[in-house]
């Protein structure tokens, strides 16, 4: 449903293939683009980012309708689908490009991100402290074409079958009410 009002969230929580696959299924999300943000190299390539020399994080840029799903709900999904206590790591993916990061696009987004982190910290839902970086939106560089819609186009690929499919199953069970119906 288009209401004319859209908002953007830029989030990194490990491999962008996983994050993209999750948010593509969320009601109110209109577009998800995998890419890179937070580094110092213009138009970085996947290989440059993987080398760890660019300071970029693998991120997704999520365009959503805030009248259907709020930014807070986007962040609740973000935190529920990765481990925000591991510095520069998600599972076997290790390096600064896999850091947990929220690039906020407005003071209101920053405030919500900080509130959610404070609430999660108080609730002690995780075994350690949350290390998610909250930073102003950095220039976003879309990833190469073969990274877009990766899970949709490669569900039988090894990483997709072993890592993404189980993560999606857990996500769907926990957020069934937030899933797209079509």
N, C-alpha and C. Protein backbone atom coordinates (compact mmCIF):
# COMPACT_ATOMS: atom_id res chain seq x y z
N UNK A 1 0.84 -1.18 0.00
CA UNK A 1 0.00 0.00 0.00
C UNK A 1 0.89 1.25 0.00
N UNK A 2 0.67 2.12 -0.93
CA UNK A 2 1.43 3.37 -1.01
C UNK A 2 0.57 4.49 -0.42
N UNK A 3 1.14 5.19 0.53
CA UNK A 3 0.43 6.32 1.11
C UNK A 3 1.06 7.64 0.70
N UNK A 4 2.15 7.57 -0.05
CA UNK A 4 2.83 8.79 -0.46
C UNK A 4 3.96 9.18 0.46
N UNK A 5 4.01 8.59 1.62
CA UNK A 5 5.05 8.90 2.59
C UNK A 5 5.95 7.68 2.75
N UNK A 6 7.24 7.87 2.55
CA UNK A 6 8.18 6.78 2.75
C UNK A 6 9.33 7.27 3.61
N UNK A 7 9.99 6.30 4.24
CA UNK A 7 11.14 6.59 5.07
C UNK A 7 12.23 5.59 4.69
N UNK A 8 13.46 5.92 5.01
CA UNK A 8 14.59 5.05 4.70
C UNK A 8 15.30 4.67 5.98
N UNK A 9 15.66 3.40 6.07
CA UNK A 9 16.50 2.89 7.16
C UNK A 9 17.72 2.26 6.51
N UNK A 10 18.90 2.53 7.05
CA UNK A 10 20.13 1.92 6.56
C UNK A 10 20.73 1.13 7.72
N UNK A 11 20.81 -0.19 7.54
CA UNK A 11 21.14 -1.09 8.63
C UNK A 11 22.17 -2.12 8.19
N UNK A 12 23.10 -2.41 9.09
CA UNK A 12 24.07 -3.47 8.85
C UNK A 12 24.06 -4.43 10.02
N UNK A 13 23.89 -5.70 9.72
CA UNK A 13 23.93 -6.70 10.79
C UNK A 13 24.50 -8.02 10.28
N UNK A 14 25.63 -7.92 9.64
CA UNK A 14 26.26 -9.11 9.08
C UNK A 14 26.13 -9.11 7.57
N UNK A 15 26.08 -10.27 7.02
CA UNK A 15 25.99 -10.43 5.56
C UNK A 15 24.71 -9.78 5.04
N UNK A 16 24.84 -8.94 4.03
CA UNK A 16 23.65 -8.25 3.52
C UNK A 16 22.68 -9.19 2.82
N UNK A 17 23.12 -10.36 2.40
CA UNK A 17 22.19 -11.32 1.79
C UNK A 17 21.12 -11.73 2.80
N UNK A 18 21.55 -11.96 4.05
CA UNK A 18 20.61 -12.36 5.12
C UNK A 18 19.64 -11.23 5.43
N UNK A 19 20.16 -10.05 5.61
CA UNK A 19 19.35 -8.91 6.01
C UNK A 19 18.36 -8.55 4.92
N UNK A 20 18.80 -8.58 3.68
CA UNK A 20 17.92 -8.30 2.55
C UNK A 20 16.77 -9.30 2.51
N UNK A 21 17.09 -10.60 2.67
CA UNK A 21 16.08 -11.65 2.61
C UNK A 21 15.00 -11.45 3.67
N UNK A 22 15.40 -11.03 4.86
CA UNK A 22 14.44 -10.78 5.94
C UNK A 22 13.53 -9.61 5.58
N UNK A 23 14.11 -8.46 5.28
CA UNK A 23 13.30 -7.26 5.09
C UNK A 23 12.46 -7.29 3.82
N UNK A 24 12.83 -8.09 2.84
CA UNK A 24 11.99 -8.21 1.64
C UNK A 24 10.64 -8.85 1.97
N UNK A 25 10.53 -9.51 3.10
CA UNK A 25 9.29 -10.20 3.46
C UNK A 25 8.41 -9.40 4.42
N UNK A 26 8.84 -8.20 4.79
CA UNK A 26 8.13 -7.42 5.80
C UNK A 26 7.07 -6.52 5.17
N UNK A 27 5.85 -6.61 5.70
CA UNK A 27 4.76 -5.76 5.25
C UNK A 27 5.13 -4.30 5.46
N UNK A 28 4.89 -3.48 4.46
CA UNK A 28 5.21 -2.06 4.54
C UNK A 28 6.57 -1.71 3.95
N UNK A 29 7.41 -2.71 3.75
CA UNK A 29 8.72 -2.47 3.12
C UNK A 29 8.50 -2.48 1.61
N UNK A 30 8.92 -1.41 0.98
CA UNK A 30 8.71 -1.26 -0.45
C UNK A 30 9.92 -1.64 -1.28
N UNK A 31 11.10 -1.49 -0.68
CA UNK A 31 12.32 -1.74 -1.45
C UNK A 31 13.46 -2.05 -0.48
N UNK A 32 14.32 -2.99 -0.87
CA UNK A 32 15.51 -3.31 -0.09
C UNK A 32 16.67 -3.39 -1.07
N UNK A 33 17.72 -2.62 -0.81
CA UNK A 33 18.90 -2.62 -1.67
C UNK A 33 20.12 -2.95 -0.82
N UNK A 34 20.86 -3.96 -1.24
CA UNK A 34 22.11 -4.30 -0.55
C UNK A 34 23.20 -3.35 -1.00
N UNK A 35 24.09 -2.99 -0.07
CA UNK A 35 25.16 -2.09 -0.44
C UNK A 35 26.17 -1.91 0.67
N UNK A 36 26.88 -0.80 0.60
CA UNK A 36 27.98 -0.51 1.51
C UNK A 36 27.84 0.92 2.03
N UNK A 37 28.18 1.11 3.31
CA UNK A 37 28.15 2.46 3.89
C UNK A 37 29.15 2.52 5.04
N UNK A 38 29.56 3.74 5.35
CA UNK A 38 30.39 3.97 6.52
C UNK A 38 31.89 3.94 6.29
N UNK A 39 32.30 3.85 5.05
CA UNK A 39 33.72 3.80 4.76
C UNK A 39 34.25 5.04 4.09
N UNK A 40 35.51 4.97 3.68
CA UNK A 40 36.17 6.15 3.11
C UNK A 40 36.48 6.01 1.62
N UNK A 41 36.13 4.90 1.01
CA UNK A 41 36.41 4.69 -0.41
C UNK A 41 35.14 4.96 -1.21
N UNK A 42 35.26 5.75 -2.25
CA UNK A 42 34.12 6.02 -3.13
C UNK A 42 33.88 4.83 -4.05
N UNK A 43 32.62 4.49 -4.21
CA UNK A 43 32.20 3.39 -5.08
C UNK A 43 33.00 2.11 -4.82
N UNK A 44 32.97 1.63 -3.59
CA UNK A 44 33.73 0.43 -3.26
C UNK A 44 33.18 -0.80 -3.97
N UNK A 45 34.03 -1.76 -4.19
CA UNK A 45 33.61 -3.05 -4.74
C UNK A 45 33.49 -4.04 -3.59
N UNK A 46 32.82 -5.13 -3.84
CA UNK A 46 32.67 -6.18 -2.84
C UNK A 46 34.04 -6.67 -2.39
N UNK A 47 34.94 -6.85 -3.34
CA UNK A 47 36.28 -7.35 -2.98
C UNK A 47 37.04 -6.36 -2.12
N UNK A 48 36.92 -5.07 -2.40
CA UNK A 48 37.57 -4.07 -1.55
C UNK A 48 36.99 -4.08 -0.14
N UNK A 49 35.68 -4.18 -0.04
CA UNK A 49 35.03 -4.19 1.28
C UNK A 49 35.44 -5.44 2.04
N UNK A 50 35.46 -6.59 1.37
CA UNK A 50 35.85 -7.85 2.03
C UNK A 50 37.30 -7.84 2.48
N UNK A 51 38.14 -7.10 1.80
CA UNK A 51 39.55 -7.00 2.23
C UNK A 51 39.67 -6.27 3.56
N UNK A 52 38.64 -5.51 3.93
CA UNK A 52 38.62 -4.85 5.23
C UNK A 52 39.34 -3.52 5.29
N UNK A 53 39.77 -2.99 4.15
CA UNK A 53 40.55 -1.76 4.14
C UNK A 53 39.71 -0.49 3.90
N UNK A 54 38.42 -0.64 3.63
CA UNK A 54 37.61 0.52 3.25
C UNK A 54 36.80 1.10 4.41
N UNK A 55 36.68 0.37 5.50
CA UNK A 55 35.85 0.73 6.66
C UNK A 55 34.35 0.68 6.38
N UNK A 56 33.95 0.19 5.20
CA UNK A 56 32.53 0.07 4.90
C UNK A 56 31.93 -1.13 5.64
N UNK A 57 30.65 -1.03 5.94
CA UNK A 57 29.87 -2.16 6.44
C UNK A 57 28.98 -2.64 5.30
N UNK A 58 28.72 -3.94 5.27
CA UNK A 58 27.68 -4.45 4.39
C UNK A 58 26.36 -4.04 5.03
N UNK A 59 25.53 -3.34 4.28
CA UNK A 59 24.26 -2.83 4.81
C UNK A 59 23.14 -3.07 3.81
N UNK A 60 21.93 -2.86 4.29
CA UNK A 60 20.79 -2.77 3.39
C UNK A 60 20.15 -1.41 3.60
N UNK A 61 19.64 -0.87 2.51
CA UNK A 61 18.87 0.35 2.61
C UNK A 61 17.42 -0.07 2.38
N UNK A 62 16.61 0.15 3.40
CA UNK A 62 15.22 -0.29 3.43
C UNK A 62 14.32 0.93 3.25
N UNK A 63 13.50 0.93 2.23
CA UNK A 63 12.51 1.98 2.02
C UNK A 63 11.17 1.41 2.48
N UNK A 64 10.52 2.12 3.40
CA UNK A 64 9.29 1.58 3.99
C UNK A 64 8.26 2.67 4.20
N UNK A 65 7.01 2.23 4.33
CA UNK A 65 5.88 3.13 4.58
C UNK A 65 5.66 3.19 6.09
N UNK A 66 5.96 4.32 6.74
CA UNK A 66 5.84 4.41 8.19
C UNK A 66 4.39 4.35 8.69
N UNK A 67 3.42 4.43 7.78
CA UNK A 67 2.03 4.26 8.19
C UNK A 67 1.64 2.79 8.25
N UNK A 68 2.51 1.93 7.71
CA UNK A 68 2.28 0.49 7.75
C UNK A 68 3.18 -0.18 8.79
N UNK A 69 4.43 0.24 8.83
CA UNK A 69 5.39 -0.28 9.80
C UNK A 69 6.26 0.88 10.27
N UNK A 70 6.44 0.96 11.56
CA UNK A 70 7.21 2.07 12.12
C UNK A 70 8.71 1.78 12.07
N UNK A 71 9.47 2.84 12.22
CA UNK A 71 10.93 2.69 12.30
C UNK A 71 11.30 1.82 13.50
N UNK A 72 10.60 2.02 14.62
CA UNK A 72 10.84 1.19 15.81
C UNK A 72 10.64 -0.29 15.48
N UNK A 73 9.59 -0.62 14.76
CA UNK A 73 9.34 -2.02 14.39
C UNK A 73 10.43 -2.54 13.45
N UNK A 74 10.89 -1.69 12.55
CA UNK A 74 12.01 -2.07 11.68
C UNK A 74 13.21 -2.43 12.55
N UNK A 75 13.51 -1.61 13.56
CA UNK A 75 14.64 -1.89 14.45
C UNK A 75 14.41 -3.13 15.31
N UNK A 76 13.18 -3.38 15.72
CA UNK A 76 12.89 -4.59 16.49
C UNK A 76 13.21 -5.83 15.65
N UNK A 77 12.87 -5.81 14.38
CA UNK A 77 13.20 -6.92 13.48
C UNK A 77 14.72 -7.00 13.31
N UNK A 78 15.35 -5.87 13.11
CA UNK A 78 16.81 -5.80 12.96
C UNK A 78 17.50 -6.48 14.14
N UNK A 79 17.13 -6.11 15.36
CA UNK A 79 17.79 -6.67 16.54
C UNK A 79 17.45 -8.14 16.76
N UNK A 80 16.25 -8.54 16.38
CA UNK A 80 15.84 -9.94 16.59
C UNK A 80 16.47 -10.90 15.59
N UNK A 81 17.07 -10.37 14.51
CA UNK A 81 17.59 -11.25 13.46
C UNK A 81 19.11 -11.26 13.38
N UNK A 82 19.77 -10.81 14.44
CA UNK A 82 21.23 -10.95 14.50
C UNK A 82 21.68 -10.84 15.95
N UNK A 83 22.95 -11.08 16.19
CA UNK A 83 23.50 -10.97 17.54
C UNK A 83 24.22 -9.62 17.64
N UNK A 84 23.60 -8.65 18.31
CA UNK A 84 24.19 -7.32 18.39
C UNK A 84 25.29 -7.20 19.44
N UNK A 85 25.71 -8.33 20.00
CA UNK A 85 26.75 -8.30 21.04
C UNK A 85 28.11 -8.74 20.52
N UNK A 86 28.18 -9.14 19.27
CA UNK A 86 29.46 -9.60 18.72
C UNK A 86 30.07 -8.50 17.88
N UNK A 87 31.23 -8.05 18.27
CA UNK A 87 31.90 -6.95 17.57
C UNK A 87 32.51 -7.45 16.27
N UNK A 88 32.08 -6.85 15.16
CA UNK A 88 32.64 -7.15 13.84
C UNK A 88 32.52 -8.63 13.48
N UNK A 89 31.38 -9.22 13.84
CA UNK A 89 31.20 -10.64 13.56
C UNK A 89 29.72 -11.00 13.62
N UNK A 90 29.32 -11.88 12.70
CA UNK A 90 28.03 -12.57 12.76
C UNK A 90 28.29 -14.00 12.34
N UNK A 91 28.20 -14.92 13.28
CA UNK A 91 28.49 -16.32 12.97
C UNK A 91 29.91 -16.48 12.47
N UNK A 92 30.05 -17.12 11.32
CA UNK A 92 31.38 -17.32 10.73
C UNK A 92 31.85 -16.13 9.91
N UNK A 93 31.00 -15.11 9.74
CA UNK A 93 31.38 -13.92 8.99
C UNK A 93 32.11 -12.97 9.93
N UNK A 94 33.39 -12.74 9.68
CA UNK A 94 34.22 -11.95 10.60
C UNK A 94 34.87 -10.79 9.84
N UNK A 95 34.85 -9.61 10.43
CA UNK A 95 35.48 -8.43 9.86
C UNK A 95 34.62 -7.21 10.11
N UNK A 96 35.22 -6.03 9.98
CA UNK A 96 34.47 -4.80 10.26
C UNK A 96 33.29 -4.62 9.31
N UNK A 97 33.36 -5.23 8.14
CA UNK A 97 32.25 -5.12 7.19
C UNK A 97 30.98 -5.82 7.70
N UNK A 98 31.11 -6.67 8.72
CA UNK A 98 29.97 -7.40 9.27
C UNK A 98 29.50 -6.81 10.61
N UNK A 99 29.92 -5.60 10.92
CA UNK A 99 29.55 -5.00 12.20
C UNK A 99 28.05 -4.70 12.25
N UNK A 100 27.56 -4.62 13.47
CA UNK A 100 26.18 -4.23 13.72
C UNK A 100 26.14 -2.71 13.75
N UNK A 101 25.36 -2.11 12.84
CA UNK A 101 25.36 -0.66 12.73
C UNK A 101 24.00 -0.16 12.25
N UNK A 102 23.59 0.96 12.82
CA UNK A 102 22.40 1.68 12.40
C UNK A 102 22.87 3.04 11.92
N UNK A 103 22.66 3.33 10.64
CA UNK A 103 22.95 4.67 10.10
C UNK A 103 21.63 5.44 10.08
N UNK A 104 21.49 6.39 10.99
CA UNK A 104 20.22 7.11 11.09
C UNK A 104 20.16 8.25 10.08
N UNK A 105 18.93 8.52 9.61
CA UNK A 105 18.69 9.55 8.59
C UNK A 105 18.05 10.82 9.15
N UNK A 106 17.78 10.84 10.45
CA UNK A 106 17.19 12.02 11.07
C UNK A 106 17.44 11.95 12.57
N UNK A 107 17.31 13.09 13.25
CA UNK A 107 17.43 13.06 14.71
C UNK A 107 16.39 12.12 15.35
N UNK A 108 15.20 12.06 14.77
CA UNK A 108 14.16 11.18 15.31
C UNK A 108 14.59 9.71 15.21
N UNK A 109 15.19 9.33 14.09
CA UNK A 109 15.68 7.95 13.96
C UNK A 109 16.77 7.66 14.98
N UNK A 110 17.66 8.61 15.17
CA UNK A 110 18.72 8.42 16.17
C UNK A 110 18.11 8.19 17.56
N UNK A 111 17.14 9.02 17.90
CA UNK A 111 16.50 8.91 19.21
C UNK A 111 15.83 7.54 19.38
N UNK A 112 15.12 7.08 18.37
CA UNK A 112 14.47 5.77 18.45
C UNK A 112 15.50 4.67 18.58
N UNK A 113 16.58 4.74 17.81
CA UNK A 113 17.64 3.72 17.89
C UNK A 113 18.23 3.66 19.29
N UNK A 114 18.53 4.81 19.85
CA UNK A 114 19.10 4.85 21.19
C UNK A 114 18.11 4.34 22.24
N UNK A 115 16.82 4.65 22.07
CA UNK A 115 15.79 4.16 23.00
C UNK A 115 15.69 2.64 22.93
N UNK A 116 15.67 2.09 21.72
CA UNK A 116 15.54 0.63 21.56
C UNK A 116 16.75 -0.07 22.19
N UNK A 117 17.94 0.45 21.94
CA UNK A 117 19.15 -0.15 22.52
C UNK A 117 19.09 -0.08 24.05
N UNK A 118 18.66 1.05 24.59
CA UNK A 118 18.56 1.19 26.05
C UNK A 118 17.53 0.20 26.62
N UNK A 119 16.41 0.04 25.95
CA UNK A 119 15.39 -0.91 26.41
C UNK A 119 15.91 -2.34 26.37
N UNK A 120 16.57 -2.72 25.27
CA UNK A 120 17.12 -4.07 25.15
C UNK A 120 18.19 -4.33 26.21
N UNK A 121 18.97 -3.30 26.49
CA UNK A 121 20.00 -3.42 27.52
C UNK A 121 19.37 -3.64 28.90
N UNK A 122 18.34 -2.87 29.22
CA UNK A 122 17.64 -3.03 30.50
C UNK A 122 17.00 -4.42 30.62
N UNK A 123 16.46 -4.91 29.51
CA UNK A 123 15.80 -6.21 29.52
C UNK A 123 16.79 -7.38 29.58
N UNK A 124 18.05 -7.10 29.31
CA UNK A 124 19.12 -8.12 29.35
C UNK A 124 18.77 -9.35 28.51
N UNK A 125 18.32 -9.11 27.28
CA UNK A 125 17.95 -10.20 26.39
C UNK A 125 19.15 -10.91 25.78
N UNK A 126 20.29 -10.28 25.85
CA UNK A 126 21.49 -10.82 25.21
C UNK A 126 22.53 -11.17 26.27
N UNK A 127 23.43 -12.11 25.95
CA UNK A 127 24.41 -12.56 26.94
C UNK A 127 25.51 -11.54 27.25
N UNK A 128 25.63 -10.52 26.44
CA UNK A 128 26.66 -9.50 26.64
C UNK A 128 26.14 -8.14 26.26
N UNK A 129 26.98 -7.12 26.37
CA UNK A 129 26.55 -5.76 26.02
C UNK A 129 26.33 -5.60 24.51
N UNK A 130 25.36 -4.78 24.17
CA UNK A 130 25.08 -4.48 22.77
C UNK A 130 26.17 -3.56 22.24
N UNK A 131 26.78 -3.95 21.12
CA UNK A 131 27.87 -3.18 20.53
C UNK A 131 27.45 -2.49 19.23
N UNK A 132 26.17 -2.46 18.95
CA UNK A 132 25.66 -1.85 17.72
C UNK A 132 26.06 -0.38 17.67
N UNK A 133 26.69 0.00 16.58
CA UNK A 133 27.09 1.38 16.35
C UNK A 133 25.88 2.17 15.85
N UNK A 134 25.67 3.36 16.37
CA UNK A 134 24.63 4.27 15.89
C UNK A 134 25.36 5.49 15.34
N UNK A 135 25.21 5.73 14.04
CA UNK A 135 25.98 6.78 13.38
C UNK A 135 25.11 7.51 12.35
N UNK A 136 25.47 8.77 12.05
CA UNK A 136 24.72 9.49 11.01
C UNK A 136 24.81 8.76 9.68
N UNK A 137 23.77 8.87 8.90
CA UNK A 137 23.74 8.21 7.59
C UNK A 137 24.98 8.60 6.79
N UNK A 138 25.63 7.60 6.29
CA UNK A 138 26.82 7.79 5.46
C UNK A 138 26.41 7.60 4.01
N UNK A 139 27.28 7.99 3.12
CA UNK A 139 26.98 7.77 1.71
C UNK A 139 26.77 6.29 1.47
N UNK A 140 25.69 5.96 0.79
CA UNK A 140 25.32 4.59 0.50
C UNK A 140 25.73 4.25 -0.93
N UNK A 141 26.41 3.13 -1.05
CA UNK A 141 26.84 2.65 -2.38
C UNK A 141 26.16 1.31 -2.63
N UNK A 142 25.26 1.24 -3.63
CA UNK A 142 24.63 -0.05 -3.92
C UNK A 142 25.69 -1.09 -4.28
N UNK A 143 25.48 -2.31 -3.82
CA UNK A 143 26.38 -3.41 -4.16
C UNK A 143 26.17 -3.80 -5.63
N UNK A 144 27.09 -4.57 -6.11
CA UNK A 144 27.02 -5.06 -7.47
C UNK A 144 25.71 -5.80 -7.70
N UNK A 145 25.27 -5.82 -8.95
CA UNK A 145 23.98 -6.42 -9.31
C UNK A 145 23.79 -7.84 -8.83
N UNK A 146 24.83 -8.65 -8.86
CA UNK A 146 24.67 -10.05 -8.48
C UNK A 146 24.40 -10.22 -6.98
N UNK A 147 24.57 -9.17 -6.18
CA UNK A 147 24.25 -9.23 -4.75
C UNK A 147 22.79 -8.88 -4.47
N UNK A 148 22.12 -8.25 -5.41
CA UNK A 148 20.73 -7.85 -5.20
C UNK A 148 19.81 -9.06 -5.34
N UNK A 149 18.84 -9.17 -4.46
CA UNK A 149 17.89 -10.29 -4.47
C UNK A 149 18.59 -11.64 -4.42
N UNK A 150 19.71 -11.68 -3.73
CA UNK A 150 20.57 -12.88 -3.77
C UNK A 150 19.84 -14.14 -3.30
N UNK A 151 19.19 -14.08 -2.16
CA UNK A 151 18.52 -15.28 -1.65
C UNK A 151 17.37 -15.69 -2.57
N UNK A 152 16.59 -14.74 -3.05
CA UNK A 152 15.47 -15.07 -3.94
C UNK A 152 15.95 -15.80 -5.19
N UNK A 153 17.10 -15.40 -5.69
CA UNK A 153 17.61 -15.99 -6.93
C UNK A 153 18.51 -17.20 -6.72
N UNK A 154 18.96 -17.43 -5.48
CA UNK A 154 19.91 -18.52 -5.20
C UNK A 154 19.56 -19.29 -3.93
N UNK A 155 18.31 -19.68 -3.72
CA UNK A 155 17.95 -20.31 -2.45
C UNK A 155 18.66 -21.64 -2.18
N UNK A 156 19.11 -22.31 -3.22
CA UNK A 156 19.78 -23.60 -3.03
C UNK A 156 21.29 -23.47 -2.87
N UNK A 157 21.84 -22.27 -3.06
CA UNK A 157 23.27 -22.05 -2.87
C UNK A 157 23.61 -22.40 -1.43
N UNK A 158 24.80 -22.93 -1.18
CA UNK A 158 25.18 -23.43 0.14
C UNK A 158 24.93 -22.47 1.29
N UNK A 159 25.44 -21.25 1.19
CA UNK A 159 25.27 -20.27 2.27
C UNK A 159 23.79 -19.98 2.50
N UNK A 160 23.05 -19.86 1.42
CA UNK A 160 21.62 -19.57 1.53
C UNK A 160 20.89 -20.71 2.24
N UNK A 161 21.18 -21.94 1.84
CA UNK A 161 20.49 -23.10 2.42
C UNK A 161 20.87 -23.32 3.88
N UNK A 162 22.14 -23.14 4.22
CA UNK A 162 22.61 -23.45 5.57
C UNK A 162 22.43 -22.30 6.55
N UNK A 163 22.61 -21.06 6.09
CA UNK A 163 22.56 -19.91 7.00
C UNK A 163 21.25 -19.12 6.87
N UNK A 164 20.89 -18.74 5.65
CA UNK A 164 19.75 -17.83 5.49
C UNK A 164 18.41 -18.53 5.70
N UNK A 165 18.23 -19.71 5.14
CA UNK A 165 16.93 -20.40 5.27
C UNK A 165 16.53 -20.62 6.73
N UNK A 166 17.43 -21.12 7.60
CA UNK A 166 17.03 -21.27 9.01
C UNK A 166 16.75 -19.92 9.69
N UNK A 167 17.51 -18.90 9.34
CA UNK A 167 17.27 -17.57 9.92
C UNK A 167 15.89 -17.05 9.49
N UNK A 168 15.53 -17.28 8.23
CA UNK A 168 14.21 -16.84 7.75
C UNK A 168 13.09 -17.61 8.44
N UNK A 169 13.29 -18.89 8.68
CA UNK A 169 12.27 -19.69 9.37
C UNK A 169 12.01 -19.13 10.76
N UNK A 170 13.07 -18.81 11.50
CA UNK A 170 12.92 -18.23 12.84
C UNK A 170 12.23 -16.86 12.76
N UNK A 171 12.66 -16.05 11.78
CA UNK A 171 12.06 -14.73 11.58
C UNK A 171 10.56 -14.86 11.31
N UNK A 172 10.19 -15.75 10.38
CA UNK A 172 8.77 -15.90 10.03
C UNK A 172 7.94 -16.34 11.22
N UNK A 173 8.48 -17.23 12.04
CA UNK A 173 7.75 -17.70 13.22
C UNK A 173 7.55 -16.56 14.22
N UNK A 174 8.57 -15.78 14.44
CA UNK A 174 8.50 -14.71 15.45
C UNK A 174 7.68 -13.51 14.97
N UNK A 175 7.76 -13.20 13.68
CA UNK A 175 7.12 -11.99 13.15
C UNK A 175 6.03 -12.32 12.13
N UNK A 176 5.30 -13.39 12.34
CA UNK A 176 4.27 -13.81 11.39
C UNK A 176 3.29 -12.69 11.08
N UNK A 177 2.96 -11.88 12.07
CA UNK A 177 1.99 -10.80 11.86
C UNK A 177 2.55 -9.65 11.03
N UNK A 178 3.86 -9.60 10.81
CA UNK A 178 4.50 -8.52 10.06
C UNK A 178 4.82 -8.92 8.62
N UNK A 179 4.48 -10.17 8.23
CA UNK A 179 4.85 -10.65 6.90
C UNK A 179 3.92 -10.11 5.81
N UNK A 180 4.49 -9.91 4.64
CA UNK A 180 3.69 -9.54 3.48
C UNK A 180 2.73 -10.68 3.17
N UNK A 181 1.55 -10.34 2.72
CA UNK A 181 0.55 -11.37 2.41
C UNK A 181 0.59 -11.76 0.95
N UNK A 182 1.24 -10.98 0.12
CA UNK A 182 1.30 -11.33 -1.30
C UNK A 182 2.72 -11.51 -1.77
